[in-house]
Amino acid sequence: MLGKRIKELRKQHGLTQEAFGKIINVTKVSVCCYENGTRTPTLDTLHKLSDYFGKDINYFLGNDEYVVADSDVKYGRSMAHEEIEFIEEIRKYSKLHSKIIDDPKRIAQLISKKIG
């Protein structure tokens, strides 16, 4: 998720990997590796990403939204935007949504077996 978010933001700002690398003081190869998930930015680099894009470091780590259970505020949890998007999509299919809600562990196991 980290690499995907870096790449999306870099492209939104119209930057090449080389130009962006200069901004955050790393090589083009490092930017490429971050985006492909073969290298993880240092904490210092994460701060530079955060400052440049105006995003909280948690955004890059996949925890960008705080979600609270309908019935109880103490059960809040940070979730990635993509996870929330997935849940919203599943809700469009009422029969599937019901099956998942009824037995989430079983459905997850079935999906896991199906996709290998």
C-alpha atoms as a PDB file:
ATOM      1  CA  MET A   1       0.000   0.000   0.000  1.00  0.00           C
ATOM      2  CA  LEU A   2       2.895   2.350   0.805  1.00  0.00           C
ATOM      3  CA  GLY A   3       4.337   2.105  -2.692  1.00  0.00           C
ATOM      4  CA  LYS A   4       0.951   2.537  -4.345  1.00  0.00           C
ATOM      5  CA  ARG A   5       0.261   5.694  -2.369  1.00  0.00           C
ATOM      6  CA  ILE A   6       3.677   7.205  -3.082  1.00  0.00           C
ATOM      7  CA  LYS A   7       3.289   6.534  -6.804  1.00  0.00           C
ATOM      8  CA  GLU A   8      -0.246   7.942  -6.950  1.00  0.00           C
ATOM      9  CA  LEU A   9       0.729  11.142  -5.168  1.00  0.00           C
ATOM     10  CA  ARG A  10       3.914  11.575  -7.209  1.00  0.00           C
ATOM     11  CA  LYS A  11       1.938  11.244 -10.450  1.00  0.00           C
ATOM     12  CA  GLN A  12      -0.807  13.575  -9.212  1.00  0.00           C
ATOM     13  CA  HIS A  13       1.902  16.187  -8.690  1.00  0.00           C
ATOM     14  CA  GLY A  14       3.257  15.576 -12.196  1.00  0.00           C
ATOM     15  CA  LEU A  15       6.673  14.440 -10.996  1.00  0.00           C
ATOM     16  CA  THR A  16       9.033  11.904 -12.505  1.00  0.00           C
ATOM     17  CA  GLN A  17      10.742   9.485 -10.160  1.00  0.00           C
ATOM     18  CA  GLU A  18      13.995  11.372 -10.698  1.00  0.00           C
ATOM     19  CA  ALA A  19      12.494  14.803  -9.964  1.00  0.00           C
ATOM     20  CA  PHE A  20      10.697  13.496  -6.904  1.00  0.00           C
ATOM     21  CA  GLY A  21      13.850  11.790  -5.660  1.00  0.00           C
ATOM     22  CA  LYS A  22      15.661  15.124  -5.744  1.00  0.00           C
ATOM     23  CA  ILE A  23      12.877  16.729  -3.724  1.00  0.00           C
ATOM     24  CA  ILE A  24      13.069  14.140  -0.943  1.00  0.00           C
ATOM     25  CA  ASN A  25      16.839  13.672  -1.293  1.00  0.00           C
ATOM     26  CA  VAL A  26      16.926  10.069  -2.543  1.00  0.00           C
ATOM     27  CA  THR A  27      17.858   8.516  -5.873  1.00  0.00           C
ATOM     28  CA  LYS A  28      15.468   7.683  -8.695  1.00  0.00           C
ATOM     29  CA  VAL A  29      16.231   4.014  -7.981  1.00  0.00           C
ATOM     30  CA  SER A  30      15.106   4.464  -4.353  1.00  0.00           C
ATOM     31  CA  VAL A  31      11.820   6.046  -5.464  1.00  0.00           C
ATOM     32  CA  CYS A  32      11.296   3.169  -7.905  1.00  0.00           C
ATOM     33  CA  CYS A  33      12.003   0.627  -5.156  1.00  0.00           C
ATOM     34  CA  TYR A  34       9.605   2.369  -2.747  1.00  0.00           C
ATOM     35  CA  GLU A  35       6.870   2.292  -5.382  1.00  0.00           C
ATOM     36  CA  ASN A  36       7.493  -1.372  -6.219  1.00  0.00           C
ATOM     37  CA  GLY A  37       7.636  -2.400  -2.562  1.00  0.00           C
ATOM     38  CA  THR A  38      11.202  -3.727  -2.697  1.00  0.00           C
ATOM     39  CA  ARG A  39      12.545  -1.085  -0.321  1.00  0.00           C
ATOM     40  CA  THR A  40      11.005   0.747   2.614  1.00  0.00           C
ATOM     41  CA  PRO A  41      11.685   4.457   3.161  1.00  0.00           C
ATOM     42  CA  THR A  42      13.523   5.467   6.316  1.00  0.00           C
ATOM     43  CA  LEU A  43      11.643   7.357   9.000  1.00  0.00           C
ATOM     44  CA  ASP A  44      13.376  10.543   7.843  1.00  0.00           C
ATOM     45  CA  THR A  45      12.198   9.925   4.272  1.00  0.00           C
ATOM     46  CA  LEU A  46       8.660   9.216   5.500  1.00  0.00           C
ATOM     47  CA  HIS A  47       8.701  12.609   7.218  1.00  0.00           C
ATOM     48  CA  LYS A  48       9.816  14.232   3.962  1.00  0.00           C
ATOM     49  CA  LEU A  49       7.006  12.469   2.088  1.00  0.00           C
ATOM     50  CA  SER A  50       4.539  13.582   4.720  1.00  0.00           C
ATOM     51  CA  ASP A  51       5.715  17.188   4.607  1.00  0.00           C
ATOM     52  CA  TYR A  52       5.849  17.417   0.821  1.00  0.00           C
ATOM     53  CA  PHE A  53       2.442  15.886   0.165  1.00  0.00           C
ATOM     54  CA  GLY A  54       0.768  17.334   3.267  1.00  0.00           C
ATOM     55  CA  LYS A  55      -0.296  13.886   4.446  1.00  0.00           C
ATOM     56  CA  ASP A  56       0.032  12.314   7.876  1.00  0.00           C
ATOM     57  CA  ILE A  57       2.626   9.527   8.030  1.00  0.00           C
ATOM     58  CA  ASN A  58      -0.206   7.159   8.952  1.00  0.00           C
ATOM     59  CA  TYR A  59      -1.632   7.708   5.468  1.00  0.00           C
ATOM     60  CA  PHE A  60       1.470   6.134   3.939  1.00  0.00           C
ATOM     61  CA  LEU A  61       1.270   3.254   6.396  1.00  0.00           C
ATOM     62  CA  GLY A  62      -2.336   2.532   5.434  1.00  0.00           C
ATOM     63  CA  ASN A  63      -4.054   3.945   8.512  1.00  0.00           C
ATOM     64  CA  ASP A  64      -5.663   7.042   7.152  1.00  0.00           C
ATOM     65  CA  GLU A  65      -9.224   6.930   8.432  1.00  0.00           C
ATOM     66  CA  TYR A  66     -10.585   6.339  11.901  1.00  0.00           C
ATOM     67  CA  VAL A  67     -13.731   4.232  11.849  1.00  0.00           C
ATOM     68  CA  VAL A  68     -16.076   3.829  14.785  1.00  0.00           C
ATOM     69  CA  ALA A  69     -18.543   0.992  15.283  1.00  0.00           C
ATOM     70  CA  ASP A  70     -22.169   2.085  14.980  1.00  0.00           C
ATOM     71  CA  SER A  71     -23.005   1.211  18.541  1.00  0.00           C
ATOM     72  CA  ASP A  72     -19.853   1.885  20.543  1.00  0.00           C
ATOM     73  CA  VAL A  73     -17.276   4.660  20.205  1.00  0.00           C
ATOM     74  CA  LYS A  74     -14.651   2.761  22.245  1.00  0.00           C
ATOM     75  CA  TYR A  75     -14.280   0.230  19.423  1.00  0.00           C
ATOM     76  CA  GLY A  76     -12.809   2.704  16.947  1.00  0.00           C
ATOM     77  CA  ARG A  77     -10.119   1.486  14.574  1.00  0.00           C
ATOM     78  CA  SER A  78      -7.855   3.018  11.951  1.00  0.00           C
ATOM     79  CA  MET A  79      -8.504   1.690   8.471  1.00  0.00           C
ATOM     80  CA  ALA A  80      -6.986   2.354   5.091  1.00  0.00           C
ATOM     81  CA  HIS A  81      -9.165   4.151   2.592  1.00  0.00           C
ATOM     82  CA  GLU A  82      -8.927   1.074   0.343  1.00  0.00           C
ATOM     83  CA  GLU A  83     -10.335  -1.133   3.123  1.00  0.00           C
ATOM     84  CA  ILE A  84     -13.284   1.207   3.584  1.00  0.00           C
ATOM     85  CA  GLU A  85     -13.820   1.273  -0.186  1.00  0.00           C
ATOM     86  CA  PHE A  86     -13.870  -2.550  -0.175  1.00  0.00           C
ATOM     87  CA  ILE A  87     -16.490  -2.662   2.571  1.00  0.00           C
ATOM     88  CA  GLU A  88     -18.636  -0.084   0.797  1.00  0.00           C
ATOM     89  CA  GLU A  89     -18.458  -2.144  -2.404  1.00  0.00           C
ATOM     90  CA  ILE A  90     -19.429  -5.376  -0.592  1.00  0.00           C
ATOM     91  CA  ARG A  91     -22.473  -3.604   0.872  1.00  0.00           C
ATOM     92  CA  LYS A  92     -23.821  -3.146  -2.666  1.00  0.00           C
ATOM     93  CA  TYR A  93     -24.315  -6.918  -2.883  1.00  0.00           C
ATOM     94  CA  SER A  94     -26.816  -7.590  -0.104  1.00  0.00           C
ATOM     95  CA  LYS A  95     -26.741 -11.402  -0.266  1.00  0.00           C
ATOM     96  CA  LEU A  96     -22.934 -11.504  -0.210  1.00  0.00           C
ATOM     97  CA  HIS A  97     -22.800  -8.854   2.513  1.00  0.00           C
ATOM     98  CA  SER A  98     -25.210 -10.871   4.670  1.00  0.00           C
ATOM     99  CA  LYS A  99     -23.152 -14.053   4.271  1.00  0.00           C
ATOM    100  CA  ILE A 100     -19.964 -12.232   5.225  1.00  0.00           C
ATOM    101  CA  ILE A 101     -21.568 -10.615   8.267  1.00  0.00           C
ATOM    102  CA  ASP A 102     -23.119 -13.930   9.395  1.00  0.00           C
ATOM    103  CA  ASP A 103     -19.816 -15.852   9.329  1.00  0.00           C
ATOM    104  CA  PRO A 104     -16.830 -13.670   8.374  1.00  0.00           C
ATOM    105  CA  LYS A 105     -14.204 -16.239   9.365  1.00  0.00           C
ATOM    106  CA  ARG A 106     -15.724 -18.969   7.180  1.00  0.00           C
ATOM    107  CA  ILE A 107     -16.113 -16.664   4.188  1.00  0.00           C
ATOM    108  CA  ALA A 108     -12.518 -15.430   4.544  1.00  0.00           C
ATOM    109  CA  GLN A 109     -11.309 -19.048   4.609  1.00  0.00           C
ATOM    110  CA  LEU A 110     -13.344 -19.880   1.497  1.00  0.00           C
ATOM    111  CA  ILE A 111     -11.983 -16.881  -0.362  1.00  0.00           C
ATOM    112  CA  SER A 112      -8.460 -17.682   0.730  1.00  0.00           C
ATOM    113  CA  LYS A 113      -8.764 -21.253  -0.570  1.00  0.00           C
ATOM    114  CA  LYS A 114     -10.252 -20.022  -3.838  1.00  0.00           C
ATOM    115  CA  ILE A 115      -7.513 -17.523  -4.626  1.00  0.00           C
ATOM    116  CA  GLY A 116      -4.731 -19.749  -3.330  1.00  0.00           C
END
